[in-house]
């Protein structure tokens, strides 16, 4: 039996985290959520996820700071991060990609595209393993 990939969702919007949790669970993932950057980094450290979905605009610790921390520790090289945000300036996109994000998706988002992006990110993160099986439903 193949283990389900674990995805950490870091977003302060409860509606977004609930929707992502439902969608990603239906796609075959274990989902863990955090509502701020501090809690997100602690959760990443605790559960060593297969991928992270990260919002940029959050109180206490924003997504750029989280991504910088992951970059500084080298974790973004083994845990792909997909940024999901309403902040879409070219400057922000460039900075996110410089910090090693796997992808950048604008809110409002297409759920199927997000699932496909995560599937690709997880597959690349586990090149020595068979790609994870995802089914976009709901």
Protein backbone atom coordinates (compact mmCIF):
# COMPACT_ATOMS: atom_id res chain seq x y z
CA UNK A 1 0.00 0.00 0.00
CA UNK A 2 1.39 3.36 -1.02
CA UNK A 3 1.57 6.04 1.65
CA UNK A 4 -0.46 9.16 1.06
CA UNK A 5 1.61 12.30 0.56
CA UNK A 6 1.41 14.88 3.34
CA UNK A 7 0.76 18.49 2.39
CA UNK A 8 1.02 21.38 4.84
CA UNK A 9 -1.26 24.33 4.06
CA UNK A 10 -0.22 27.63 5.67
CA UNK A 11 -2.90 30.30 5.31
CA UNK A 12 -4.65 32.56 7.81
CA UNK A 13 -7.98 32.41 5.94
CA UNK A 14 -10.05 29.61 7.48
CA UNK A 15 -12.23 29.32 4.36
CA UNK A 16 -9.16 28.77 2.18
CA UNK A 17 -7.64 26.17 4.52
CA UNK A 18 -10.95 24.30 4.79
CA UNK A 19 -11.46 24.30 1.01
CA UNK A 20 -7.88 23.21 0.35
CA UNK A 21 -8.07 20.52 3.02
CA UNK A 22 -11.21 19.07 1.46
CA UNK A 23 -9.86 19.23 -2.10
CA UNK A 24 -6.46 17.77 -1.24
CA UNK A 25 -7.94 15.05 0.95
CA UNK A 26 -10.21 14.05 -1.94
CA UNK A 27 -7.09 14.01 -4.14
CA UNK A 28 -5.46 11.45 -1.85
CA UNK A 29 -3.36 13.60 0.50
CA UNK A 30 -2.98 13.85 4.22
CA UNK A 31 -3.43 17.55 4.97
CA UNK A 32 -2.15 19.50 7.95
CA UNK A 33 -2.90 23.20 8.35
CA UNK A 34 -1.43 26.21 10.10
CA UNK A 35 -2.88 29.71 10.31
CA UNK A 36 0.40 31.63 10.52
CA UNK A 37 4.04 31.35 9.57
CA UNK A 38 5.34 30.43 13.03
CA UNK A 39 2.87 27.57 13.35
CA UNK A 40 3.58 26.57 9.75
CA UNK A 41 7.33 26.28 10.29
CA UNK A 42 6.74 24.26 13.47
CA UNK A 43 4.36 21.95 11.60
CA UNK A 44 6.84 21.49 8.74
CA UNK A 45 9.53 20.57 11.25
CA UNK A 46 7.16 18.17 13.04
CA UNK A 47 5.70 16.26 10.10
CA UNK A 48 8.30 16.61 7.30
CA UNK A 49 5.66 17.04 4.56
CA UNK A 50 5.92 16.11 0.91
CA UNK A 51 4.85 19.63 -0.12
CA UNK A 52 3.72 22.98 1.29
CA UNK A 53 1.01 25.36 0.07
CA UNK A 54 1.89 28.83 1.36
CA UNK A 55 0.02 32.12 1.47
CA UNK A 56 2.11 35.29 1.53
CA UNK A 57 -0.17 37.72 3.41
CA UNK A 58 -0.47 36.56 7.01
CA UNK A 59 -0.16 38.22 10.40
CA UNK A 60 2.74 37.51 12.77
CA UNK A 61 5.02 35.94 10.12
CA UNK A 62 4.29 36.39 6.43
CA UNK A 63 4.91 33.86 3.68
CA UNK A 64 8.04 35.56 2.36
CA UNK A 65 9.61 35.16 5.80
CA UNK A 66 8.56 31.49 5.90
CA UNK A 67 9.99 30.92 2.44
CA UNK A 68 13.21 32.72 3.41
CA UNK A 69 13.54 30.48 6.46
CA UNK A 70 12.98 27.35 4.37
CA UNK A 71 15.50 28.61 1.81
CA UNK A 72 18.10 29.43 4.47
CA UNK A 73 17.76 25.96 6.00
CA UNK A 74 17.82 24.23 2.60
CA UNK A 75 14.43 22.62 3.23
CA UNK A 76 12.93 24.17 0.10
CA UNK A 77 15.28 21.92 -1.89
CA UNK A 78 13.62 18.79 -0.47
CA UNK A 79 10.13 20.07 0.31
CA UNK A 80 8.51 21.81 -2.66
CA UNK A 81 6.60 24.99 -1.82
CA UNK A 82 3.70 26.21 -3.93
CA UNK A 83 2.80 29.80 -3.17
CA UNK A 84 -0.94 30.50 -3.33
CA UNK A 85 -1.60 34.21 -2.93
CA UNK A 86 -3.50 37.26 -4.07
CA UNK A 87 -0.22 39.25 -4.14
CA UNK A 88 0.70 39.04 -7.81
CA UNK A 89 3.16 41.80 -8.65
CA UNK A 90 6.13 40.85 -10.83
CA UNK A 91 8.45 41.87 -8.00
CA UNK A 92 6.73 39.47 -5.58
CA UNK A 93 6.74 36.64 -8.15
CA UNK A 94 10.46 37.15 -8.80
CA UNK A 95 11.26 37.18 -5.09
CA UNK A 96 9.24 34.01 -4.44
CA UNK A 97 10.99 32.16 -7.25
CA UNK A 98 14.42 33.44 -6.12
CA UNK A 99 13.67 31.93 -2.72
CA UNK A 100 13.11 28.55 -4.32
CA UNK A 101 9.35 28.19 -4.57
CA UNK A 102 8.26 25.39 -6.87
CA UNK A 103 5.25 27.31 -8.14
CA UNK A 104 3.21 30.48 -7.87
CA UNK A 105 -0.59 30.38 -8.13
CA UNK A 106 -2.84 33.44 -7.93
CA UNK A 107 -6.00 33.60 -5.82
CA UNK A 108 -8.73 33.03 -6.72
CA UNK A 109 -7.26 29.74 -7.87
CA UNK A 110 -8.26 26.84 -10.08
CA UNK A 111 -8.40 23.83 -7.73
CA UNK A 112 -7.57 21.29 -10.44
CA UNK A 113 -4.52 23.30 -11.48
CA UNK A 114 -3.38 23.45 -7.85
CA UNK A 115 -3.73 19.67 -7.46
CA UNK A 116 -1.83 19.09 -10.71
CA UNK A 117 0.92 21.47 -9.62
CA UNK A 118 1.24 19.68 -6.27
CA UNK A 119 1.28 16.30 -8.00
CA UNK A 120 4.16 17.48 -10.17
CA UNK A 121 5.99 19.01 -7.20
CA UNK A 122 5.69 15.85 -5.11
CA UNK A 123 6.69 13.62 -8.02
CA UNK A 124 9.83 15.69 -8.59
CA UNK A 125 10.55 15.61 -4.88
CA UNK A 126 10.43 11.80 -5.01
CA UNK A 127 12.12 11.11 -8.33
CA UNK A 128 13.40 7.81 -7.01
CA UNK A 129 9.81 6.78 -6.20
CA UNK A 130 6.82 6.32 -8.45
CA UNK A 131 4.70 9.47 -8.89
CA UNK A 132 1.90 9.92 -6.39
CA UNK A 133 -1.59 9.20 -7.59
CA UNK A 134 -3.95 12.15 -7.45
CA UNK A 135 -7.54 12.41 -8.55
CA UNK A 136 -9.13 15.85 -8.75
CA UNK A 137 -12.70 15.51 -7.51
CA UNK A 138 -15.33 17.75 -6.07
